Amino acid sequence: MLHKIDHVGIAVTDIENAIKTYQGLGFTLTGRDRVDSQKVETAFFQIGESCIELIAATEADSPIAKFIEKNAGKGGLQQLAITVNDIEAELTRLKAEGYTLINESPVPGAHGTKVAFVHPKDTEGVLLELCEHPTESY
């Protein structure tokens, strides 16, 4: 079951400068994390029940580095993440509906989440991320 917008992911080329930019806009940094399995460093800013996630590549072959390369070396809106309470059930449901899954099983995400991605070709060009939080209650 889809619950809420968890976060909007923004690819950035320099996470330190991007953090300063968002702090200058009045957002408060609420957490940072490095996700080695995705080859990224993240910074989160809470806004209401959702977050803005800044995502920077830590290696040249990461998905974020490839996204930035496709966008003429610039960052930008990279993903829309939705909170779910049972990621395995959602993946099974979406696969049965014919959606192309980038991950058929969840992978580790920032802050202990389990995440999986639906290919943008099936979601009007937007990468959809499913997020299951370890202690989320509904």
N, C-alpha and C. Protein backbone atom coordinates (compact mmCIF):
# COMPACT_ATOMS: atom_id res chain seq x y z
N MET A 1 0.84 -1.18 0.00
CA MET A 1 0.00 0.00 0.00
C MET A 1 0.88 1.24 0.00
N LEU A 2 0.58 2.16 -0.89
CA LEU A 2 1.33 3.42 -0.97
C LEU A 2 0.78 4.37 0.09
N HIS A 3 1.66 5.03 0.85
CA HIS A 3 1.21 5.86 1.97
C HIS A 3 1.35 7.36 1.77
N LYS A 4 2.53 7.79 1.37
CA LYS A 4 2.78 9.23 1.25
C LYS A 4 4.03 9.45 0.42
N ILE A 5 4.22 10.70 0.01
CA ILE A 5 5.49 11.05 -0.61
C ILE A 5 6.53 11.03 0.50
N ASP A 6 7.51 10.18 0.36
CA ASP A 6 8.57 10.06 1.35
C ASP A 6 9.58 11.18 1.16
N HIS A 7 10.08 11.29 -0.09
CA HIS A 7 11.02 12.36 -0.40
C HIS A 7 11.11 12.57 -1.90
N VAL A 8 11.64 13.71 -2.26
CA VAL A 8 11.95 14.03 -3.64
C VAL A 8 13.47 14.06 -3.71
N GLY A 9 14.04 13.29 -4.62
CA GLY A 9 15.49 13.20 -4.76
C GLY A 9 16.01 14.14 -5.82
N ILE A 10 17.01 14.92 -5.45
CA ILE A 10 17.63 15.88 -6.36
C ILE A 10 19.10 15.52 -6.51
N ALA A 11 19.50 15.19 -7.73
CA ALA A 11 20.90 14.89 -8.01
C ALA A 11 21.70 16.19 -8.01
N VAL A 12 22.86 16.15 -7.36
CA VAL A 12 23.71 17.34 -7.28
C VAL A 12 25.15 16.94 -7.61
N THR A 13 25.90 17.90 -8.12
CA THR A 13 27.30 17.64 -8.46
C THR A 13 28.24 17.88 -7.28
N ASP A 14 27.84 18.71 -6.33
CA ASP A 14 28.67 19.05 -5.17
C ASP A 14 27.75 19.12 -3.96
N ILE A 15 27.78 18.10 -3.13
CA ILE A 15 26.82 18.03 -2.02
C ILE A 15 27.04 19.13 -0.99
N GLU A 16 28.28 19.52 -0.74
CA GLU A 16 28.54 20.58 0.26
C GLU A 16 27.93 21.91 -0.20
N ASN A 17 28.14 22.27 -1.46
CA ASN A 17 27.54 23.51 -1.97
C ASN A 17 26.03 23.43 -2.01
N ALA A 18 25.50 22.25 -2.37
CA ALA A 18 24.05 22.09 -2.41
C ALA A 18 23.43 22.21 -1.02
N ILE A 19 24.10 21.66 -0.01
CA ILE A 19 23.62 21.80 1.37
C ILE A 19 23.56 23.27 1.76
N LYS A 20 24.63 24.01 1.45
CA LYS A 20 24.66 25.45 1.76
C LYS A 20 23.52 26.18 1.05
N THR A 21 23.26 25.80 -0.20
CA THR A 21 22.17 26.43 -0.96
C THR A 21 20.84 26.21 -0.27
N TYR A 22 20.55 24.98 0.10
CA TYR A 22 19.25 24.68 0.72
C TYR A 22 19.14 25.26 2.12
N GLN A 23 20.25 25.30 2.86
CA GLN A 23 20.23 25.97 4.16
C GLN A 23 19.98 27.46 3.98
N GLY A 24 20.59 28.05 2.95
CA GLY A 24 20.37 29.47 2.65
C GLY A 24 18.92 29.77 2.30
N LEU A 25 18.23 28.78 1.72
CA LEU A 25 16.81 28.94 1.41
C LEU A 25 15.92 28.82 2.65
N GLY A 26 16.51 28.39 3.76
CA GLY A 26 15.75 28.27 5.00
C GLY A 26 15.45 26.85 5.44
N PHE A 27 15.92 25.86 4.69
CA PHE A 27 15.71 24.46 5.07
C PHE A 27 16.72 24.05 6.13
N THR A 28 16.32 23.15 7.02
CA THR A 28 17.19 22.66 8.08
C THR A 28 17.65 21.25 7.72
N LEU A 29 18.96 21.05 7.72
CA LEU A 29 19.54 19.74 7.46
C LEU A 29 19.16 18.81 8.60
N THR A 30 18.56 17.67 8.27
CA THR A 30 18.13 16.73 9.31
C THR A 30 18.92 15.44 9.32
N GLY A 31 19.73 15.20 8.30
CA GLY A 31 20.54 13.99 8.31
C GLY A 31 21.36 13.83 7.04
N ARG A 32 22.45 13.11 7.21
CA ARG A 32 23.32 12.77 6.07
C ARG A 32 23.61 11.29 6.16
N ASP A 33 23.89 10.71 5.00
CA ASP A 33 24.21 9.29 4.98
C ASP A 33 25.01 8.99 3.72
N ARG A 34 25.76 7.93 3.80
CA ARG A 34 26.49 7.41 2.63
C ARG A 34 25.93 6.03 2.37
N VAL A 35 25.52 5.78 1.14
CA VAL A 35 24.96 4.48 0.77
C VAL A 35 25.91 3.86 -0.25
N ASP A 36 26.82 3.06 0.27
CA ASP A 36 27.86 2.49 -0.58
C ASP A 36 27.30 1.59 -1.67
N SER A 37 26.20 0.89 -1.39
CA SER A 37 25.62 0.00 -2.40
C SER A 37 25.09 0.77 -3.61
N GLN A 38 24.71 2.04 -3.40
CA GLN A 38 24.22 2.88 -4.49
C GLN A 38 25.29 3.86 -4.98
N LYS A 39 26.45 3.87 -4.28
CA LYS A 39 27.57 4.74 -4.63
C LYS A 39 27.17 6.21 -4.57
N VAL A 40 26.50 6.58 -3.45
CA VAL A 40 26.04 7.95 -3.26
C VAL A 40 26.24 8.42 -1.83
N GLU A 41 26.24 9.75 -1.70
CA GLU A 41 26.16 10.42 -0.41
C GLU A 41 24.88 11.24 -0.44
N THR A 42 24.14 11.24 0.67
CA THR A 42 22.86 11.93 0.70
C THR A 42 22.80 12.95 1.84
N ALA A 43 21.94 13.92 1.66
CA ALA A 43 21.62 14.90 2.71
C ALA A 43 20.11 15.11 2.68
N PHE A 44 19.48 15.07 3.84
CA PHE A 44 18.02 15.19 3.93
C PHE A 44 17.60 16.47 4.63
N PHE A 45 16.54 17.05 4.12
CA PHE A 45 15.92 18.23 4.71
C PHE A 45 14.44 17.92 4.89
N GLN A 46 13.97 17.91 6.13
CA GLN A 46 12.56 17.62 6.42
C GLN A 46 11.70 18.82 6.04
N ILE A 47 10.56 18.56 5.43
CA ILE A 47 9.59 19.60 5.13
C ILE A 47 8.21 18.96 5.28
N GLY A 48 7.53 19.31 6.37
CA GLY A 48 6.25 18.66 6.66
C GLY A 48 6.49 17.19 6.93
N GLU A 49 5.67 16.34 6.31
CA GLU A 49 5.81 14.90 6.48
C GLU A 49 6.79 14.29 5.49
N SER A 50 7.34 15.09 4.60
CA SER A 50 8.22 14.59 3.56
C SER A 50 9.60 15.21 3.68
N CYS A 51 10.48 14.81 2.78
CA CYS A 51 11.85 15.33 2.78
C CYS A 51 12.29 15.69 1.37
N ILE A 52 13.29 16.52 1.32
CA ILE A 52 14.07 16.74 0.11
C ILE A 52 15.38 16.01 0.35
N GLU A 53 15.78 15.18 -0.61
CA GLU A 53 17.04 14.45 -0.51
C GLU A 53 17.99 14.95 -1.59
N LEU A 54 19.13 15.45 -1.18
CA LEU A 54 20.19 15.79 -2.12
C LEU A 54 21.05 14.53 -2.27
N ILE A 55 21.39 14.20 -3.52
CA ILE A 55 22.11 12.96 -3.79
C ILE A 55 23.33 13.28 -4.66
N ALA A 56 24.50 12.92 -4.17
CA ALA A 56 25.74 13.12 -4.92
C ALA A 56 26.43 11.78 -5.13
N ALA A 57 27.01 11.61 -6.30
CA ALA A 57 27.75 10.40 -6.61
C ALA A 57 29.05 10.35 -5.81
N THR A 58 29.39 9.15 -5.36
CA THR A 58 30.69 8.96 -4.72
C THR A 58 31.66 8.24 -5.65
N GLU A 59 31.13 7.71 -6.77
CA GLU A 59 31.96 7.04 -7.76
C GLU A 59 31.45 7.39 -9.16
N ALA A 60 32.33 7.40 -10.11
CA ALA A 60 31.99 7.82 -11.47
C ALA A 60 30.99 6.89 -12.16
N ASP A 61 30.87 5.66 -11.70
CA ASP A 61 29.94 4.73 -12.34
C ASP A 61 28.62 4.57 -11.58
N SER A 62 28.34 5.48 -10.66
CA SER A 62 27.08 5.38 -9.91
C SER A 62 25.90 5.82 -10.77
N PRO A 63 24.70 5.38 -10.43
CA PRO A 63 23.51 5.83 -11.17
C PRO A 63 23.35 7.36 -11.17
N ILE A 64 23.74 8.01 -10.09
CA ILE A 64 23.61 9.47 -10.03
C ILE A 64 24.61 10.13 -10.97
N ALA A 65 25.83 9.61 -11.03
CA ALA A 65 26.82 10.16 -11.96
C ALA A 65 26.31 10.02 -13.40
N LYS A 66 25.71 8.89 -13.71
CA LYS A 66 25.16 8.67 -15.06
C LYS A 66 24.00 9.62 -15.33
N PHE A 67 23.14 9.84 -14.33
CA PHE A 67 22.02 10.78 -14.48
C PHE A 67 22.54 12.18 -14.78
N ILE A 68 23.54 12.63 -14.03
CA ILE A 68 24.10 13.96 -14.22
C ILE A 68 24.75 14.06 -15.60
N GLU A 69 25.44 13.03 -16.01
CA GLU A 69 26.06 13.03 -17.34
C GLU A 69 25.00 13.18 -18.44
N LYS A 70 23.88 12.49 -18.29
CA LYS A 70 22.79 12.59 -19.28
C LYS A 70 22.16 13.98 -19.30
N ASN A 71 22.29 14.70 -18.20
CA ASN A 71 21.71 16.04 -18.09
C ASN A 71 22.77 17.12 -18.30
N ALA A 72 23.64 16.89 -19.24
CA ALA A 72 24.66 17.87 -19.63
C ALA A 72 25.52 18.32 -18.45
N GLY A 73 25.80 17.40 -17.54
CA GLY A 73 26.67 17.70 -16.41
C GLY A 73 26.00 18.46 -15.28
N LYS A 74 24.67 18.57 -15.34
CA LYS A 74 23.93 19.30 -14.30
C LYS A 74 23.05 18.33 -13.54
N GLY A 75 22.78 18.66 -12.30
CA GLY A 75 21.87 17.87 -11.49
C GLY A 75 20.43 18.20 -11.83
N GLY A 76 19.55 17.82 -10.94
CA GLY A 76 18.13 18.11 -11.12
C GLY A 76 17.28 17.04 -10.48
N LEU A 77 15.97 17.19 -10.65
CA LEU A 77 15.03 16.24 -10.08
C LEU A 77 15.34 14.85 -10.62
N GLN A 78 15.60 13.92 -9.73
CA GLN A 78 16.03 12.59 -10.15
C GLN A 78 15.02 11.51 -9.80
N GLN A 79 14.26 11.68 -8.72
CA GLN A 79 13.35 10.62 -8.31
C GLN A 79 12.22 11.15 -7.43
N LEU A 80 11.16 10.37 -7.41
CA LEU A 80 10.05 10.58 -6.48
C LEU A 80 9.96 9.32 -5.65
N ALA A 81 10.06 9.46 -4.34
CA ALA A 81 10.06 8.30 -3.45
C ALA A 81 8.75 8.25 -2.67
N ILE A 82 8.19 7.06 -2.58
CA ILE A 82 6.92 6.84 -1.91
C ILE A 82 7.14 5.86 -0.75
N THR A 83 6.57 6.16 0.41
CA THR A 83 6.64 5.27 1.55
C THR A 83 5.63 4.13 1.37
N VAL A 84 6.09 2.92 1.62
CA VAL A 84 5.23 1.74 1.62
C VAL A 84 5.47 0.97 2.92
N ASN A 85 4.47 0.17 3.33
CA ASN A 85 4.68 -0.58 4.58
C ASN A 85 5.16 -2.00 4.33
N ASP A 86 5.03 -2.52 3.10
CA ASP A 86 5.51 -3.86 2.77
C ASP A 86 6.09 -3.82 1.35
N ILE A 87 7.36 -3.55 1.26
CA ILE A 87 7.99 -3.34 -0.04
C ILE A 87 7.96 -4.59 -0.91
N GLU A 88 8.13 -5.76 -0.29
CA GLU A 88 8.09 -7.00 -1.06
C GLU A 88 6.72 -7.18 -1.71
N ALA A 89 5.65 -6.92 -0.97
CA ALA A 89 4.30 -7.05 -1.52
C ALA A 89 4.07 -6.05 -2.65
N GLU A 90 4.58 -4.82 -2.49
CA GLU A 90 4.43 -3.82 -3.56
C GLU A 90 5.17 -4.22 -4.81
N LEU A 91 6.37 -4.77 -4.65
CA LEU A 91 7.14 -5.22 -5.82
C LEU A 91 6.41 -6.35 -6.54
N THR A 92 5.86 -7.26 -5.78
CA THR A 92 5.09 -8.37 -6.37
C THR A 92 3.88 -7.83 -7.13
N ARG A 93 3.17 -6.89 -6.52
CA ARG A 93 1.98 -6.30 -7.14
C ARG A 93 2.34 -5.56 -8.43
N LEU A 94 3.37 -4.73 -8.36
CA LEU A 94 3.76 -3.95 -9.53
C LEU A 94 4.27 -4.83 -10.67
N LYS A 95 5.02 -5.87 -10.32
CA LYS A 95 5.49 -6.80 -11.36
C LYS A 95 4.30 -7.48 -12.03
N ALA A 96 3.31 -7.89 -11.24
CA ALA A 96 2.11 -8.54 -11.79
C ALA A 96 1.33 -7.58 -12.69
N GLU A 97 1.40 -6.30 -12.40
CA GLU A 97 0.72 -5.28 -13.21
C GLU A 97 1.50 -4.95 -14.48
N GLY A 98 2.72 -5.48 -14.60
CA GLY A 98 3.50 -5.28 -15.81
C GLY A 98 4.52 -4.16 -15.77
N TYR A 99 4.75 -3.58 -14.60
CA TYR A 99 5.75 -2.52 -14.49
C TYR A 99 7.16 -3.10 -14.53
N THR A 100 8.08 -2.37 -15.11
CA THR A 100 9.47 -2.79 -15.18
C THR A 100 10.17 -2.38 -13.89
N LEU A 101 10.66 -3.34 -13.16
CA LEU A 101 11.34 -3.08 -11.90
C LEU A 101 12.84 -3.07 -12.12
N ILE A 102 13.49 -2.04 -11.61
CA ILE A 102 14.95 -2.00 -11.64
C ILE A 102 15.47 -2.97 -10.58
N ASN A 103 14.77 -3.03 -9.45
CA ASN A 103 15.12 -3.97 -8.38
C ASN A 103 13.92 -4.89 -8.14
N GLU A 104 14.12 -6.18 -8.34
CA GLU A 104 13.03 -7.13 -8.06
C GLU A 104 12.98 -7.50 -6.59
N SER A 105 14.04 -7.17 -5.86
CA SER A 105 14.11 -7.33 -4.41
C SER A 105 14.63 -6.03 -3.84
N PRO A 106 14.25 -5.71 -2.61
CA PRO A 106 14.73 -4.46 -1.99
C PRO A 106 16.24 -4.48 -1.79
N VAL A 107 16.82 -3.27 -1.82
CA VAL A 107 18.24 -3.07 -1.54
C VAL A 107 18.36 -2.05 -0.40
N PRO A 108 19.50 -1.99 0.27
CA PRO A 108 19.66 -1.02 1.36
C PRO A 108 19.61 0.42 0.84
N GLY A 109 18.91 1.26 1.59
CA GLY A 109 18.83 2.69 1.29
C GLY A 109 19.37 3.49 2.45
N ALA A 110 19.25 4.79 2.36
CA ALA A 110 19.73 5.68 3.43
C ALA A 110 18.93 5.47 4.70
N HIS A 111 19.58 5.66 5.82
CA HIS A 111 18.95 5.63 7.15
C HIS A 111 18.25 4.31 7.45
N GLY A 112 18.80 3.20 6.96
CA GLY A 112 18.26 1.89 7.29
C GLY A 112 17.01 1.48 6.52
N THR A 113 16.64 2.24 5.49
CA THR A 113 15.46 1.87 4.72
C THR A 113 15.77 0.73 3.77
N LYS A 114 14.70 0.06 3.34
CA LYS A 114 14.76 -0.87 2.22
C LYS A 114 14.14 -0.13 1.06
N VAL A 115 14.81 -0.15 -0.11
CA VAL A 115 14.31 0.59 -1.27
C VAL A 115 14.33 -0.30 -2.50
N ALA A 116 13.52 0.10 -3.48
CA ALA A 116 13.52 -0.53 -4.80
C ALA A 116 12.99 0.50 -5.78
N PHE A 117 13.37 0.36 -7.04
CA PHE A 117 13.04 1.37 -8.03
C PHE A 117 12.22 0.79 -9.17
N VAL A 118 11.27 1.60 -9.65
CA VAL A 118 10.48 1.28 -10.83
C VAL A 118 11.04 2.10 -11.99
N HIS A 119 11.25 1.46 -13.12
CA HIS A 119 11.89 2.11 -14.27
C HIS A 119 11.08 3.30 -14.77
N PRO A 120 11.75 4.43 -15.07
CA PRO A 120 11.04 5.63 -15.54
C PRO A 120 10.29 5.45 -16.85
N LYS A 121 10.65 4.47 -17.64
CA LYS A 121 9.92 4.28 -18.91
C LYS A 121 8.47 3.90 -18.66
N ASP A 122 8.18 3.38 -17.47
CA ASP A 122 6.81 2.98 -17.13
C ASP A 122 6.09 3.98 -16.24
N THR A 123 6.76 5.05 -15.87
CA THR A 123 6.17 6.02 -14.94
C THR A 123 6.28 7.45 -15.47
N GLU A 124 6.03 7.60 -16.76
CA GLU A 124 6.02 8.92 -17.40
C GLU A 124 7.33 9.66 -17.26
N GLY A 125 8.44 8.90 -17.27
CA GLY A 125 9.77 9.51 -17.28
C GLY A 125 10.34 9.86 -15.93
N VAL A 126 9.65 9.49 -14.84
CA VAL A 126 10.14 9.79 -13.49
C VAL A 126 10.54 8.49 -12.80
N LEU A 127 11.75 8.43 -12.27
CA LEU A 127 12.18 7.28 -11.50
C LEU A 127 11.36 7.24 -10.22
N LEU A 128 10.69 6.13 -9.97
CA LEU A 128 9.86 5.96 -8.77
C LEU A 128 10.61 5.05 -7.80
N GLU A 129 10.81 5.55 -6.59
CA GLU A 129 11.48 4.78 -5.55
C GLU A 129 10.45 4.39 -4.50
N LEU A 130 10.44 3.12 -4.12
CA LEU A 130 9.62 2.64 -3.02
C LEU A 130 10.51 2.55 -1.79
N CYS A 131 10.04 3.05 -0.65
CA CYS A 131 10.84 3.07 0.58
C CYS A 131 10.07 2.43 1.72
N GLU A 132 10.70 1.49 2.38
CA GLU A 132 10.13 0.92 3.60
C GLU A 132 11.07 1.27 4.75
N HIS A 133 10.55 2.01 5.71
CA HIS A 133 11.36 2.42 6.87
C HIS A 133 11.34 1.33 7.92
N PRO A 134 12.44 1.14 8.65
CA PRO A 134 12.50 0.04 9.62
C PRO A 134 11.55 0.22 10.80
N THR A 135 11.24 1.46 11.16
CA THR A 135 10.40 1.67 12.34
C THR A 135 9.14 2.47 12.01
N GLU A 136 8.78 2.55 10.74
CA GLU A 136 7.60 3.32 10.33
C GLU A 136 6.35 2.65 10.89
N SER A 137 5.46 3.42 11.46
CA SER A 137 4.19 2.87 11.95
C SER A 137 3.05 3.53 11.23
N TYR A 138 2.00 2.78 10.98
CA TYR A 138 0.86 3.28 10.22
C TYR A 138 -0.40 3.14 11.00
